[in-house]
Amino acid sequence: MDAKLEKYPKTKLFRIIDTIGVPHTYCISAQHLANSSSPYLDIQEAERKGAICDVCRHRVHGKLQDKVLSYEEHKQALVIEVKSDKELKDIPELPAYLKKIKSRTEKDGYVGFVFKKGD
């Protein structure tokens, strides 16, 4: 797990387990590989030379979104594991947990949360 995520508090009900791309994961295409001169992939350089997110390309073509998003326009949300059989709306501790992590979340640049049922 990313060291940045390990800094988030854990409780008996909640823990941060991962991140997820918003509105979707940025998808590298063959254009990125062909357009990056670095031995390591340089996404911004490849974009300057015409490479685009492959998911965006398909979604725009299918009229599911209006435009292709740059790498910087793709954001990350936190995945919170919830160890409870209750519906989220029925867990009174959830609002307090989200308030507790809000400032760190904003500082780290995350744009929201998704919830995963824990074991």
N, C-alpha and C. Protein backbone atom coordinates (compact mmCIF):
# COMPACT_ATOMS: atom_id res chain seq x y z
N MET A 1 0.83 -1.17 0.00
CA MET A 1 0.00 0.00 0.00
C MET A 1 0.88 1.24 0.00
N ASP A 2 0.42 2.27 -0.66
CA ASP A 2 1.11 3.56 -0.71
C ASP A 2 1.30 4.09 0.71
N ALA A 3 2.51 4.54 1.02
CA ALA A 3 2.81 5.05 2.37
C ALA A 3 1.89 6.20 2.75
N LYS A 4 1.47 7.00 1.79
CA LYS A 4 0.57 8.12 2.07
C LYS A 4 -0.77 7.61 2.63
N LEU A 5 -1.22 6.46 2.15
CA LEU A 5 -2.49 5.91 2.61
C LEU A 5 -2.38 5.33 4.01
N GLU A 6 -1.21 4.87 4.38
CA GLU A 6 -1.02 4.29 5.70
C GLU A 6 -1.14 5.32 6.82
N LYS A 7 -1.04 6.59 6.47
CA LYS A 7 -1.14 7.66 7.46
C LYS A 7 -2.59 7.94 7.88
N TYR A 8 -3.54 7.43 7.12
CA TYR A 8 -4.94 7.66 7.45
C TYR A 8 -5.33 6.78 8.64
N PRO A 9 -6.17 7.31 9.54
CA PRO A 9 -6.55 6.54 10.72
C PRO A 9 -7.41 5.32 10.35
N LYS A 10 -7.24 4.28 11.16
CA LYS A 10 -8.03 3.06 11.03
C LYS A 10 -8.89 2.94 12.27
N THR A 11 -10.09 2.40 12.11
CA THR A 11 -10.96 2.11 13.24
C THR A 11 -11.42 0.67 13.11
N LYS A 12 -12.22 0.21 14.06
CA LYS A 12 -12.73 -1.16 13.94
C LYS A 12 -13.69 -1.29 12.76
N LEU A 13 -14.25 -0.18 12.28
CA LEU A 13 -15.19 -0.22 11.16
C LEU A 13 -14.60 0.23 9.83
N PHE A 14 -13.61 1.13 9.85
CA PHE A 14 -13.14 1.77 8.61
C PHE A 14 -11.62 1.74 8.49
N ARG A 15 -11.16 1.56 7.25
CA ARG A 15 -9.75 1.76 6.94
C ARG A 15 -9.61 2.05 5.46
N ILE A 16 -8.64 2.89 5.12
CA ILE A 16 -8.35 3.22 3.73
C ILE A 16 -7.51 2.08 3.16
N ILE A 17 -7.95 1.51 2.03
CA ILE A 17 -7.23 0.36 1.48
C ILE A 17 -6.62 0.62 0.10
N ASP A 18 -7.07 1.67 -0.60
CA ASP A 18 -6.55 1.89 -1.95
C ASP A 18 -7.08 3.21 -2.48
N THR A 19 -6.77 3.48 -3.75
CA THR A 19 -7.35 4.61 -4.47
C THR A 19 -7.98 4.08 -5.75
N ILE A 20 -8.82 4.90 -6.34
CA ILE A 20 -9.46 4.53 -7.60
C ILE A 20 -9.54 5.77 -8.47
N GLY A 21 -9.37 5.60 -9.77
CA GLY A 21 -9.42 6.73 -10.70
C GLY A 21 -10.82 7.28 -10.85
N VAL A 22 -10.90 8.61 -10.98
CA VAL A 22 -12.16 9.31 -11.15
C VAL A 22 -12.03 10.26 -12.33
N PRO A 23 -12.88 10.27 -13.31
CA PRO A 23 -14.10 9.48 -13.42
C PRO A 23 -13.84 8.02 -13.81
N HIS A 24 -12.60 7.73 -14.20
CA HIS A 24 -12.17 6.37 -14.50
C HIS A 24 -10.64 6.37 -14.46
N THR A 25 -10.07 5.20 -14.48
CA THR A 25 -8.61 5.10 -14.48
C THR A 25 -8.05 5.60 -15.80
N TYR A 26 -6.96 6.36 -15.73
CA TYR A 26 -6.30 6.82 -16.95
C TYR A 26 -5.70 5.61 -17.65
N CYS A 27 -6.00 5.44 -18.93
CA CYS A 27 -5.56 4.26 -19.66
C CYS A 27 -4.51 4.63 -20.72
N ILE A 28 -3.34 4.07 -20.57
CA ILE A 28 -2.24 4.30 -21.51
C ILE A 28 -2.47 3.48 -22.77
N SER A 29 -2.15 4.08 -23.90
CA SER A 29 -2.34 3.41 -25.19
C SER A 29 -0.99 3.22 -25.88
N ALA A 30 -1.02 2.58 -27.02
CA ALA A 30 0.20 2.42 -27.81
C ALA A 30 0.78 3.77 -28.21
N GLN A 31 -0.07 4.78 -28.38
CA GLN A 31 0.40 6.14 -28.70
C GLN A 31 1.33 6.67 -27.62
N HIS A 32 1.01 6.38 -26.37
CA HIS A 32 1.86 6.85 -25.27
C HIS A 32 3.26 6.24 -25.38
N LEU A 33 3.31 4.97 -25.66
CA LEU A 33 4.61 4.29 -25.77
C LEU A 33 5.40 4.79 -26.96
N ALA A 34 4.72 5.03 -28.05
CA ALA A 34 5.39 5.50 -29.26
C ALA A 34 5.84 6.96 -29.14
N ASN A 35 5.14 7.75 -28.33
CA ASN A 35 5.39 9.19 -28.25
C ASN A 35 6.20 9.62 -27.03
N SER A 36 6.75 8.69 -26.28
CA SER A 36 7.56 9.04 -25.12
C SER A 36 9.01 8.69 -25.42
N SER A 37 9.89 9.69 -25.34
CA SER A 37 11.30 9.45 -25.63
C SER A 37 12.07 8.95 -24.42
N SER A 38 11.44 9.03 -23.26
CA SER A 38 12.09 8.61 -22.02
C SER A 38 12.10 7.08 -21.91
N PRO A 39 13.13 6.50 -21.29
CA PRO A 39 13.10 5.05 -21.07
C PRO A 39 11.96 4.67 -20.11
N TYR A 40 11.50 5.65 -19.33
CA TYR A 40 10.32 5.48 -18.49
C TYR A 40 9.21 6.28 -19.15
N LEU A 41 8.01 5.81 -19.09
CA LEU A 41 6.91 6.48 -19.75
C LEU A 41 6.70 7.89 -19.19
N ASP A 42 6.71 8.88 -20.07
CA ASP A 42 6.43 10.27 -19.71
C ASP A 42 5.07 10.61 -20.31
N ILE A 43 4.04 10.50 -19.49
CA ILE A 43 2.67 10.67 -19.99
C ILE A 43 2.45 12.07 -20.53
N GLN A 44 2.93 13.10 -19.83
CA GLN A 44 2.72 14.46 -20.30
C GLN A 44 3.41 14.70 -21.65
N GLU A 45 4.62 14.18 -21.82
CA GLU A 45 5.31 14.32 -23.11
C GLU A 45 4.51 13.62 -24.21
N ALA A 46 4.05 12.42 -23.92
CA ALA A 46 3.27 11.67 -24.91
C ALA A 46 1.98 12.41 -25.26
N GLU A 47 1.34 13.03 -24.28
CA GLU A 47 0.13 13.81 -24.55
C GLU A 47 0.44 15.02 -25.43
N ARG A 48 1.57 15.68 -25.16
CA ARG A 48 1.94 16.84 -26.01
C ARG A 48 2.13 16.41 -27.46
N LYS A 49 2.48 15.15 -27.66
CA LYS A 49 2.69 14.63 -29.02
C LYS A 49 1.45 13.91 -29.55
N GLY A 50 0.31 14.05 -28.87
CA GLY A 50 -0.95 13.55 -29.41
C GLY A 50 -1.55 12.32 -28.75
N ALA A 51 -0.90 11.73 -27.78
CA ALA A 51 -1.47 10.56 -27.10
C ALA A 51 -2.62 11.00 -26.20
N ILE A 52 -3.63 10.16 -26.08
CA ILE A 52 -4.78 10.45 -25.22
C ILE A 52 -5.15 9.21 -24.42
N CYS A 53 -5.89 9.43 -23.34
CA CYS A 53 -6.41 8.32 -22.52
C CYS A 53 -7.30 7.44 -23.40
N ASP A 54 -7.01 6.15 -23.41
CA ASP A 54 -7.77 5.24 -24.27
C ASP A 54 -9.21 5.06 -23.80
N VAL A 55 -9.45 5.11 -22.50
CA VAL A 55 -10.83 5.02 -22.00
C VAL A 55 -11.62 6.25 -22.47
N CYS A 56 -11.01 7.43 -22.34
CA CYS A 56 -11.67 8.65 -22.81
C CYS A 56 -11.99 8.56 -24.30
N ARG A 57 -11.01 8.08 -25.06
CA ARG A 57 -11.21 7.96 -26.52
C ARG A 57 -12.46 7.13 -26.82
N HIS A 58 -12.58 5.99 -26.17
CA HIS A 58 -13.75 5.11 -26.40
C HIS A 58 -15.03 5.75 -25.89
N ARG A 59 -14.97 6.42 -24.74
CA ARG A 59 -16.17 7.02 -24.17
C ARG A 59 -16.65 8.21 -25.01
N VAL A 60 -15.72 9.02 -25.53
CA VAL A 60 -16.11 10.14 -26.39
C VAL A 60 -16.70 9.60 -27.69
N HIS A 61 -16.04 8.60 -28.26
CA HIS A 61 -16.54 7.99 -29.51
C HIS A 61 -17.94 7.42 -29.31
N GLY A 62 -18.20 6.83 -28.16
CA GLY A 62 -19.51 6.25 -27.86
C GLY A 62 -20.50 7.25 -27.28
N LYS A 63 -20.12 8.54 -27.27
CA LYS A 63 -20.95 9.63 -26.76
C LYS A 63 -21.33 9.45 -25.28
N LEU A 64 -20.42 8.86 -24.51
CA LEU A 64 -20.64 8.67 -23.08
C LEU A 64 -20.01 9.78 -22.24
N GLN A 65 -19.13 10.57 -22.87
CA GLN A 65 -18.59 11.77 -22.24
C GLN A 65 -18.28 12.77 -23.33
N ASP A 66 -18.20 14.06 -22.94
CA ASP A 66 -18.09 15.15 -23.90
C ASP A 66 -16.71 15.35 -24.50
N LYS A 67 -15.67 15.10 -23.69
CA LYS A 67 -14.32 15.41 -24.18
C LYS A 67 -13.31 14.44 -23.60
N VAL A 68 -12.15 14.41 -24.23
CA VAL A 68 -11.02 13.62 -23.73
C VAL A 68 -10.37 14.42 -22.61
N LEU A 69 -10.15 13.77 -21.47
CA LEU A 69 -9.52 14.42 -20.33
C LEU A 69 -8.02 14.21 -20.36
N SER A 70 -7.27 15.22 -19.97
CA SER A 70 -5.82 15.08 -19.86
C SER A 70 -5.49 14.23 -18.64
N TYR A 71 -4.24 13.85 -18.52
CA TYR A 71 -3.80 13.08 -17.36
C TYR A 71 -4.11 13.84 -16.07
N GLU A 72 -3.85 15.16 -16.06
CA GLU A 72 -4.10 15.96 -14.87
C GLU A 72 -5.58 16.06 -14.52
N GLU A 73 -6.45 15.93 -15.50
CA GLU A 73 -7.89 16.01 -15.24
C GLU A 73 -8.45 14.71 -14.64
N HIS A 74 -7.70 13.63 -14.73
CA HIS A 74 -8.09 12.38 -14.08
C HIS A 74 -7.68 12.50 -12.62
N LYS A 75 -8.59 12.28 -11.72
CA LYS A 75 -8.35 12.44 -10.28
C LYS A 75 -8.38 11.09 -9.59
N GLN A 76 -8.15 11.10 -8.29
CA GLN A 76 -8.17 9.89 -7.48
C GLN A 76 -9.13 10.06 -6.31
N ALA A 77 -9.82 8.98 -5.97
CA ALA A 77 -10.67 8.93 -4.78
C ALA A 77 -10.13 7.83 -3.88
N LEU A 78 -10.44 7.93 -2.60
CA LEU A 78 -10.00 6.92 -1.64
C LEU A 78 -11.01 5.77 -1.58
N VAL A 79 -10.50 4.56 -1.45
CA VAL A 79 -11.35 3.38 -1.24
C VAL A 79 -11.33 3.08 0.25
N ILE A 80 -12.51 3.14 0.86
CA ILE A 80 -12.64 2.89 2.29
C ILE A 80 -13.30 1.53 2.50
N GLU A 81 -12.59 0.66 3.20
CA GLU A 81 -13.17 -0.63 3.55
C GLU A 81 -14.06 -0.43 4.78
N VAL A 82 -15.28 -0.95 4.69
CA VAL A 82 -16.26 -0.81 5.77
C VAL A 82 -16.56 -2.21 6.31
N LYS A 83 -16.27 -2.41 7.58
CA LYS A 83 -16.52 -3.71 8.22
C LYS A 83 -17.81 -3.61 9.03
N SER A 84 -18.92 -3.74 8.33
CA SER A 84 -20.23 -3.69 8.96
C SER A 84 -21.23 -4.34 8.01
N ASP A 85 -22.23 -4.98 8.58
CA ASP A 85 -23.30 -5.56 7.77
C ASP A 85 -24.40 -4.55 7.48
N LYS A 86 -24.32 -3.38 8.11
CA LYS A 86 -25.34 -2.35 7.92
C LYS A 86 -25.14 -1.61 6.61
N GLU A 87 -26.20 -0.98 6.13
CA GLU A 87 -26.11 -0.06 5.01
C GLU A 87 -25.34 1.17 5.47
N LEU A 88 -24.65 1.84 4.56
CA LEU A 88 -23.85 3.02 4.94
C LEU A 88 -24.68 4.05 5.70
N LYS A 89 -25.89 4.29 5.24
CA LYS A 89 -26.75 5.30 5.89
C LYS A 89 -27.10 4.93 7.32
N ASP A 90 -26.93 3.66 7.68
CA ASP A 90 -27.28 3.19 9.01
C ASP A 90 -26.07 3.03 9.93
N ILE A 91 -24.92 3.55 9.52
CA ILE A 91 -23.71 3.48 10.34
C ILE A 91 -23.45 4.87 10.92
N PRO A 92 -23.81 5.09 12.18
CA PRO A 92 -23.69 6.44 12.75
C PRO A 92 -22.25 6.94 12.86
N GLU A 93 -21.26 6.05 12.87
CA GLU A 93 -19.85 6.47 12.99
C GLU A 93 -19.27 7.01 11.68
N LEU A 94 -19.93 6.75 10.55
CA LEU A 94 -19.36 7.13 9.25
C LEU A 94 -19.17 8.65 9.10
N PRO A 95 -20.17 9.48 9.37
CA PRO A 95 -19.93 10.93 9.21
C PRO A 95 -18.75 11.43 10.04
N ALA A 96 -18.61 10.95 11.26
CA ALA A 96 -17.50 11.40 12.12
C ALA A 96 -16.16 10.97 11.53
N TYR A 97 -16.09 9.75 10.98
CA TYR A 97 -14.84 9.28 10.37
C TYR A 97 -14.48 10.14 9.16
N LEU A 98 -15.46 10.42 8.32
CA LEU A 98 -15.19 11.23 7.12
C LEU A 98 -14.77 12.65 7.51
N LYS A 99 -15.37 13.21 8.55
CA LYS A 99 -14.95 14.54 9.01
C LYS A 99 -13.52 14.50 9.55
N LYS A 100 -13.18 13.40 10.21
CA LYS A 100 -11.84 13.26 10.79
C LYS A 100 -10.75 13.24 9.71
N ILE A 101 -11.04 12.64 8.55
CA ILE A 101 -10.03 12.52 7.50
C ILE A 101 -10.16 13.60 6.42
N LYS A 102 -11.15 14.45 6.53
CA LYS A 102 -11.44 15.44 5.47
C LYS A 102 -10.24 16.34 5.14
N SER A 103 -9.61 16.95 6.13
CA SER A 103 -8.54 17.90 5.83
C SER A 103 -7.34 17.19 5.20
N ARG A 104 -6.98 16.00 5.67
CA ARG A 104 -5.88 15.26 5.07
C ARG A 104 -6.23 14.87 3.62
N THR A 105 -7.48 14.46 3.43
CA THR A 105 -7.94 14.08 2.09
C THR A 105 -7.79 15.24 1.11
N GLU A 106 -8.24 16.42 1.52
CA GLU A 106 -8.12 17.60 0.67
C GLU A 106 -6.66 17.95 0.42
N LYS A 107 -5.84 17.91 1.46
CA LYS A 107 -4.41 18.22 1.34
C LYS A 107 -3.73 17.27 0.37
N ASP A 108 -4.11 15.99 0.43
CA ASP A 108 -3.50 14.98 -0.45
C ASP A 108 -4.09 14.99 -1.87
N GLY A 109 -5.12 15.79 -2.11
CA GLY A 109 -5.67 15.95 -3.46
C GLY A 109 -6.69 14.91 -3.88
N TYR A 110 -7.24 14.16 -2.95
CA TYR A 110 -8.27 13.18 -3.31
C TYR A 110 -9.60 13.90 -3.46
N VAL A 111 -10.44 13.41 -4.38
CA VAL A 111 -11.68 14.11 -4.71
C VAL A 111 -12.93 13.45 -4.15
N GLY A 112 -12.78 12.35 -3.46
CA GLY A 112 -13.96 11.70 -2.91
C GLY A 112 -13.63 10.34 -2.35
N PHE A 113 -14.71 9.56 -2.15
CA PHE A 113 -14.57 8.25 -1.53
C PHE A 113 -15.42 7.23 -2.26
N VAL A 114 -14.99 6.00 -2.24
CA VAL A 114 -15.84 4.86 -2.60
C VAL A 114 -15.72 3.89 -1.43
N PHE A 115 -16.74 3.08 -1.26
CA PHE A 115 -16.78 2.19 -0.10
C PHE A 115 -16.82 0.75 -0.57
N LYS A 116 -16.05 -0.09 0.12
CA LYS A 116 -15.97 -1.51 -0.19
C LYS A 116 -16.32 -2.26 1.08
N LYS A 117 -17.22 -3.21 0.93
CA LYS A 117 -17.61 -4.01 2.09
C LYS A 117 -16.44 -4.89 2.51
N GLY A 118 -16.11 -4.84 3.80
CA GLY A 118 -15.02 -5.64 4.34
C GLY A 118 -15.49 -7.00 4.81
N ASP A 119 -14.54 -7.84 5.13
CA ASP A 119 -14.88 -9.19 5.62
C ASP A 119 -15.38 -9.17 7.03
